[in-house]
Amino acid sequence: MQQEVIDNTHKDFGHNWVSSSRFIWFCQVFVILAFVLGGCYGLYTHRYKGKPDVKVPENTLYNPKYK
């Protein structure tokens, strides 16, 4: 009985530098895109919400008012 030899070296990740480099490139693009979108979301959630209404003591104004 003769056994058939199946050559899987062209499908192996370590032996095929074209598919492995493509996979690594897609991983890099995904990671960079995830960091950019995460940074944009972080800036959006911590954005400046407007001028707050701050109570300033009258004796610290440019023209102070004393009692």
PDB file of N, CA and C in Angstrom:
ATOM      1  N   MET A   1       0.843  -1.176   0.000  1.00  0.00           N
ATOM      2  CA  MET A   1       0.000   0.000   0.000  1.00  0.00           C
ATOM      3  C   MET A   1       0.893   1.245   0.000  1.00  0.00           C
ATOM      4  N   GLN A   2       0.580   2.159  -0.879  1.00  0.00           N
ATOM      5  CA  GLN A   2       1.390   3.366  -1.034  1.00  0.00           C
ATOM      6  C   GLN A   2       0.669   4.544  -0.377  1.00  0.00           C
ATOM      7  N   GLN A   3       1.400   5.302   0.432  1.00  0.00           N
ATOM      8  CA  GLN A   3       0.796   6.436   1.120  1.00  0.00           C
ATOM      9  C   GLN A   3       1.084   7.726   0.342  1.00  0.00           C
ATOM     10  N   GLU A   4       0.094   8.586   0.318  1.00  0.00           N
ATOM     11  CA  GLU A   4       0.238   9.849  -0.402  1.00  0.00           C
ATOM     12  C   GLU A   4       0.871  10.884   0.534  1.00  0.00           C
ATOM     13  N   VAL A   5       1.861  11.596   0.038  1.00  0.00           N
ATOM     14  CA  VAL A   5       2.539  12.625   0.813  1.00  0.00           C
ATOM     15  C   VAL A   5       1.887  13.964   0.485  1.00  0.00           C
ATOM     16  N   ILE A   6       1.400  14.630   1.527  1.00  0.00           N
ATOM     17  CA  ILE A   6       0.747  15.926   1.338  1.00  0.00           C
ATOM     18  C   ILE A   6       1.725  17.004   1.783  1.00  0.00           C
ATOM     19  N   ASP A   7       2.013  17.925   0.877  1.00  0.00           N
ATOM     20  CA  ASP A   7       2.962  19.009   1.152  1.00  0.00           C
ATOM     21  C   ASP A   7       2.185  20.234   1.618  1.00  0.00           C
ATOM     22  N   ASN A   8       2.304  20.556   2.902  1.00  0.00           N
ATOM     23  CA  ASN A   8       1.599  21.706   3.479  1.00  0.00           C
ATOM     24  C   ASN A   8       2.534  22.877   3.753  1.00  0.00           C
ATOM     25  N   THR A   9       3.749  22.847   3.233  1.00  0.00           N
ATOM     26  CA  THR A   9       4.685  23.919   3.552  1.00  0.00           C
ATOM     27  C   THR A   9       4.249  25.250   2.956  1.00  0.00           C
ATOM     28  N   HIS A  10       3.545  25.237   1.827  1.00  0.00           N
ATOM     29  CA  HIS A  10       3.111  26.503   1.238  1.00  0.00           C
ATOM     30  C   HIS A  10       1.935  27.114   1.994  1.00  0.00           C
ATOM     31  N   LYS A  11       1.278  26.337   2.860  1.00  0.00           N
ATOM     32  CA  LYS A  11       0.174  26.851   3.662  1.00  0.00           C
ATOM     33  C   LYS A  11       0.606  27.213   5.077  1.00  0.00           C
ATOM     34  N   ASP A  12       1.811  26.862   5.451  1.00  0.00           N
ATOM     35  CA  ASP A  12       2.281  27.094   6.812  1.00  0.00           C
ATOM     36  C   ASP A  12       2.630  28.570   6.998  1.00  0.00           C
ATOM     37  N   PHE A  13       2.299  29.089   8.164  1.00  0.00           N
ATOM     38  CA  PHE A  13       2.538  30.514   8.454  1.00  0.00           C
ATOM     39  C   PHE A  13       4.027  30.836   8.475  1.00  0.00           C
ATOM     40  N   GLY A  14       4.821  29.951   9.021  1.00  0.00           N
ATOM     41  CA  GLY A  14       6.258  30.207   9.144  1.00  0.00           C
ATOM     42  C   GLY A  14       7.020  30.045   7.845  1.00  0.00           C
ATOM     43  N   HIS A  15       6.521  29.260   6.934  1.00  0.00           N
ATOM     44  CA  HIS A  15       7.245  29.012   5.694  1.00  0.00           C
ATOM     45  C   HIS A  15       6.861  29.962   4.569  1.00  0.00           C
ATOM     46  N   ASN A  16       5.691  30.575   4.656  1.00  0.00           N
ATOM     47  CA  ASN A  16       5.241  31.461   3.580  1.00  0.00           C
ATOM     48  C   ASN A  16       5.364  32.903   4.063  1.00  0.00           C
ATOM     49  N   TRP A  17       6.413  33.609   3.627  1.00  0.00           N
ATOM     50  CA  TRP A  17       6.653  34.957   4.129  1.00  0.00           C
ATOM     51  C   TRP A  17       5.660  35.954   3.562  1.00  0.00           C
ATOM     52  N   VAL A  18       5.033  35.640   2.430  1.00  0.00           N
ATOM     53  CA  VAL A  18       4.055  36.569   1.850  1.00  0.00           C
ATOM     54  C   VAL A  18       2.807  36.627   2.723  1.00  0.00           C
ATOM     55  N   SER A  19       2.253  35.482   3.072  1.00  0.00           N
ATOM     56  CA  SER A  19       1.042  35.492   3.899  1.00  0.00           C
ATOM     57  C   SER A  19       1.349  35.949   5.320  1.00  0.00           C
ATOM     58  N   SER A  20       2.523  35.617   5.848  1.00  0.00           N
ATOM     59  CA  SER A  20       2.840  36.047   7.207  1.00  0.00           C
ATOM     60  C   SER A  20       3.066  37.555   7.259  1.00  0.00           C
ATOM     61  N   SER A  21       3.735  38.120   6.253  1.00  0.00           N
ATOM     62  CA  SER A  21       3.951  39.567   6.275  1.00  0.00           C
ATOM     63  C   SER A  21       2.635  40.307   6.058  1.00  0.00           C
ATOM     64  N   ARG A  22       1.746  39.753   5.256  1.00  0.00           N
ATOM     65  CA  ARG A  22       0.434  40.371   5.060  1.00  0.00           C
ATOM     66  C   ARG A  22      -0.360  40.340   6.367  1.00  0.00           C
ATOM     67  N   PHE A  23      -0.304  39.209   7.069  1.00  0.00           N
ATOM     68  CA  PHE A  23      -1.005  39.085   8.347  1.00  0.00           C
ATOM     69  C   PHE A  23      -0.454  40.072   9.368  1.00  0.00           C
ATOM     70  N   ILE A  24       0.854  40.196   9.443  1.00  0.00           N
ATOM     71  CA  ILE A  24       1.470  41.126  10.395  1.00  0.00           C
ATOM     72  C   ILE A  24       1.125  42.567  10.031  1.00  0.00           C
ATOM     73  N   TRP A  25       1.070  42.878   8.722  1.00  0.00           N
ATOM     74  CA  TRP A  25       0.711  44.227   8.287  1.00  0.00           C
ATOM     75  C   TRP A  25      -0.726  44.554   8.687  1.00  0.00           C
ATOM     76  N   PHE A  26      -1.634  43.594   8.493  1.00  0.00           N
ATOM     77  CA  PHE A  26      -3.027  43.822   8.885  1.00  0.00           C
ATOM     78  C   PHE A  26      -3.150  43.965  10.402  1.00  0.00           C
ATOM     79  N   CYS A  27      -2.373  43.220  11.160  1.00  0.00           N
ATOM     80  CA  CYS A  27      -2.383  43.377  12.617  1.00  0.00           C
ATOM     81  C   CYS A  27      -1.893  44.763  13.023  1.00  0.00           C
ATOM     82  N   GLN A  28      -0.852  45.254  12.365  1.00  0.00           N
ATOM     83  CA  GLN A  28      -0.341  46.591  12.674  1.00  0.00           C
ATOM     84  C   GLN A  28      -1.374  47.658  12.346  1.00  0.00           C
ATOM     85  N   VAL A  29      -2.027  47.534  11.201  1.00  0.00           N
ATOM     86  CA  VAL A  29      -3.053  48.510  10.821  1.00  0.00           C
ATOM     87  C   VAL A  29      -4.200  48.483  11.826  1.00  0.00           C
ATOM     88  N   PHE A  30      -4.618  47.297  12.235  1.00  0.00           N
ATOM     89  CA  PHE A  30      -5.707  47.184  13.210  1.00  0.00           C
ATOM     90  C   PHE A  30      -5.320  47.811  14.545  1.00  0.00           C
ATOM     91  N   VAL A  31      -4.100  47.562  15.005  1.00  0.00           N
ATOM     92  CA  VAL A  31      -3.668  48.107  16.296  1.00  0.00           C
ATOM     93  C   VAL A  31      -3.564  49.628  16.231  1.00  0.00           C
ATOM     94  N   ILE A  32      -3.003  50.164  15.157  1.00  0.00           N
ATOM     95  CA  ILE A  32      -2.893  51.626  15.013  1.00  0.00           C
ATOM     96  C   ILE A  32      -4.275  52.255  14.937  1.00  0.00           C
ATOM     97  N   LEU A  33      -5.179  51.638  14.178  1.00  0.00           N
ATOM     98  CA  LEU A  33      -6.537  52.161  14.081  1.00  0.00           C
ATOM     99  C   LEU A  33      -7.244  52.111  15.431  1.00  0.00           C
ATOM    100  N   ALA A  34      -7.022  51.044  16.195  1.00  0.00           N
ATOM    101  CA  ALA A  34      -7.641  50.941  17.515  1.00  0.00           C
ATOM    102  C   ALA A  34      -7.109  52.028  18.448  1.00  0.00           C
ATOM    103  N   PHE A  35      -5.790  52.298  18.407  1.00  0.00           N
ATOM    104  CA  PHE A  35      -5.229  53.368  19.244  1.00  0.00           C
ATOM    105  C   PHE A  35      -5.750  54.744  18.836  1.00  0.00           C
ATOM    106  N   VAL A  36      -5.862  54.996  17.550  1.00  0.00           N
ATOM    107  CA  VAL A  36      -6.360  56.302  17.085  1.00  0.00           C
ATOM    108  C   VAL A  36      -7.812  56.495  17.495  1.00  0.00           C
ATOM    109  N   LEU A  37      -8.639  55.478  17.261  1.00  0.00           N
ATOM    110  CA  LEU A  37     -10.046  55.607  17.638  1.00  0.00           C
ATOM    111  C   LEU A  37     -10.209  55.690  19.157  1.00  0.00           C
ATOM    112  N   GLY A  38      -9.403  54.951  19.905  1.00  0.00           N
ATOM    113  CA  GLY A  38      -9.458  55.042  21.363  1.00  0.00           C
ATOM    114  C   GLY A  38      -9.028  56.409  21.868  1.00  0.00           C
ATOM    115  N   GLY A  39      -8.007  56.985  21.244  1.00  0.00           N
ATOM    116  CA  GLY A  39      -7.570  58.329  21.621  1.00  0.00           C
ATOM    117  C   GLY A  39      -8.610  59.383  21.301  1.00  0.00           C
ATOM    118  N   CYS A  40      -9.242  59.249  20.134  1.00  0.00           N
ATOM    119  CA  CYS A  40     -10.306  60.195  19.768  1.00  0.00           C
ATOM    120  C   CYS A  40     -11.477  60.089  20.736  1.00  0.00           C
ATOM    121  N   TYR A  41     -11.831  58.865  21.112  1.00  0.00           N
ATOM    122  CA  TYR A  41     -12.925  58.688  22.067  1.00  0.00           C
ATOM    123  C   TYR A  41     -12.555  59.267  23.429  1.00  0.00           C
ATOM    124  N   GLY A  42     -11.308  59.075  23.854  1.00  0.00           N
ATOM    125  CA  GLY A  42     -10.878  59.643  25.125  1.00  0.00           C
ATOM    126  C   GLY A  42     -10.910  61.169  25.118  1.00  0.00           C
ATOM    127  N   LEU A  43     -10.469  61.764  24.010  1.00  0.00           N
ATOM    128  CA  LEU A  43     -10.538  63.224  23.910  1.00  0.00           C
ATOM    129  C   LEU A  43     -11.985  63.706  23.871  1.00  0.00           C
ATOM    130  N   TYR A  44     -12.859  62.950  23.235  1.00  0.00           N
ATOM    131  CA  TYR A  44     -14.265  63.347  23.149  1.00  0.00           C
ATOM    132  C   TYR A  44     -14.940  63.277  24.517  1.00  0.00           C
ATOM    133  N   THR A  45     -14.639  62.255  25.294  1.00  0.00           N
ATOM    134  CA  THR A  45     -15.294  62.133  26.594  1.00  0.00           C
ATOM    135  C   THR A  45     -14.746  63.124  27.610  1.00  0.00           C
ATOM    136  N   HIS A  46     -13.507  63.586  27.443  1.00  0.00           N
ATOM    137  CA  HIS A  46     -12.911  64.552  28.365  1.00  0.00           C
ATOM    138  C   HIS A  46     -12.800  65.934  27.725  1.00  0.00           C
ATOM    139  N   ARG A  47     -13.718  66.248  26.838  1.00  0.00           N
ATOM    140  CA  ARG A  47     -13.652  67.526  26.114  1.00  0.00           C
ATOM    141  C   ARG A  47     -14.033  68.691  27.034  1.00  0.00           C
ATOM    142  N   TYR A  48     -13.722  69.895  26.578  1.00  0.00           N
ATOM    143  CA  TYR A  48     -14.050  71.109  27.317  1.00  0.00           C
ATOM    144  C   TYR A  48     -15.545  71.365  27.185  1.00  0.00           C
ATOM    145  N   LYS A  49     -16.221  71.457  28.298  1.00  0.00           N
ATOM    146  CA  LYS A  49     -17.677  71.540  28.275  1.00  0.00           C
ATOM    147  C   LYS A  49     -18.211  72.970  28.325  1.00  0.00           C
ATOM    148  N   GLY A  50     -17.348  73.960  28.299  1.00  0.00           N
ATOM    149  CA  GLY A  50     -17.807  75.346  28.306  1.00  0.00           C
ATOM    150  C   GLY A  50     -17.264  76.117  29.497  1.00  0.00           C
ATOM    151  N   LYS A  51     -17.578  77.392  29.522  1.00  0.00           N
ATOM    152  CA  LYS A  51     -17.085  78.264  30.573  1.00  0.00           C
ATOM    153  C   LYS A  51     -17.874  78.025  31.857  1.00  0.00           C
ATOM    154  N   PRO A  52     -17.188  77.601  32.916  1.00  0.00           N
ATOM    155  CA  PRO A  52     -17.917  77.354  34.175  1.00  0.00           C
ATOM    156  C   PRO A  52     -18.252  78.671  34.880  1.00  0.00           C
ATOM    157  N   ASP A  53     -19.282  78.647  35.675  1.00  0.00           N
ATOM    158  CA  ASP A  53     -19.687  79.818  36.454  1.00  0.00           C
ATOM    159  C   ASP A  53     -18.934  79.781  37.778  1.00  0.00           C
ATOM    160  N   VAL A  54     -17.849  80.540  37.839  1.00  0.00           N
ATOM    161  CA  VAL A  54     -16.973  80.532  39.008  1.00  0.00           C
ATOM    162  C   VAL A  54     -17.251  81.773  39.845  1.00  0.00           C
ATOM    163  N   LYS A  55     -17.437  81.572  41.140  1.00  0.00           N
ATOM    164  CA  LYS A  55     -17.635  82.699  42.059  1.00  0.00           C
ATOM    165  C   LYS A  55     -16.274  83.240  42.481  1.00  0.00           C
ATOM    166  N   VAL A  56     -16.000  84.482  42.109  1.00  0.00           N
ATOM    167  CA  VAL A  56     -14.725  85.120  42.433  1.00  0.00           C
ATOM    168  C   VAL A  56     -14.960  86.093  43.590  1.00  0.00           C
ATOM    169  N   PRO A  57     -14.152  86.007  44.619  1.00  0.00           N
ATOM    170  CA  PRO A  57     -14.309  86.967  45.722  1.00  0.00           C
ATOM    171  C   PRO A  57     -14.080  88.397  45.219  1.00  0.00           C
ATOM    172  N   GLU A  58     -14.887  89.319  45.733  1.00  0.00           N
ATOM    173  CA  GLU A  58     -14.829  90.699  45.248  1.00  0.00           C
ATOM    174  C   GLU A  58     -13.531  91.395  45.613  1.00  0.00           C
ATOM    175  N   ASN A  59     -12.834  90.950  46.660  1.00  0.00           N
ATOM    176  CA  ASN A  59     -11.590  91.620  47.035  1.00  0.00           C
ATOM    177  C   ASN A  59     -10.410  91.149  46.173  1.00  0.00           C
ATOM    178  N   THR A  60     -10.616  90.198  45.252  1.00  0.00           N
ATOM    179  CA  THR A  60      -9.534  89.756  44.370  1.00  0.00           C
ATOM    180  C   THR A  60      -9.732  90.215  42.936  1.00  0.00           C
ATOM    181  N   LEU A  61     -10.710  91.056  42.683  1.00  0.00           N
ATOM    182  CA  LEU A  61     -10.943  91.560  41.326  1.00  0.00           C
ATOM    183  C   LEU A  61      -9.866  92.565  40.941  1.00  0.00           C
ATOM    184  N   TYR A  62      -9.847  92.944  39.631  1.00  0.00           N
ATOM    185  CA  TYR A  62      -8.888  93.938  39.156  1.00  0.00           C
ATOM    186  C   TYR A  62      -9.114  95.272  39.865  1.00  0.00           C
ATOM    187  N   ASN A  63     -10.360  95.650  39.991  1.00  0.00           N
ATOM    188  CA  ASN A  63     -10.738  96.811  40.809  1.00  0.00           C
ATOM    189  C   ASN A  63     -11.448  96.260  42.032  1.00  0.00           C
ATOM    190  N   PRO A  64     -10.707  95.968  43.115  1.00  0.00           N
ATOM    191  CA  PRO A  64     -11.333  95.297  44.267  1.00  0.00           C
ATOM    192  C   PRO A  64     -12.367  96.157  44.964  1.00  0.00           C
ATOM    193  N   LYS A  65     -13.340  95.471  45.501  1.00  0.00           N
ATOM    194  CA  LYS A  65     -14.398  96.138  46.268  1.00  0.00           C
ATOM    195  C   LYS A  65     -14.250  95.681  47.716  1.00  0.00           C
ATOM    196  N   TYR A  66     -13.995  96.602  48.590  1.00  0.00           N
ATOM    197  CA  TYR A  66     -13.829  96.277  49.998  1.00  0.00           C
ATOM    198  C   TYR A  66     -15.095  96.622  50.761  1.00  0.00           C
ATOM    199  N   LYS A  67     -15.266  95.998  51.917  1.00  0.00           N
ATOM    200  CA  LYS A  67     -16.423  96.274  52.763  1.00  0.00           C
ATOM    201  C   LYS A  67     -16.278  97.590  53.478  1.00  0.00           C
TER     202      LYS A  67
END
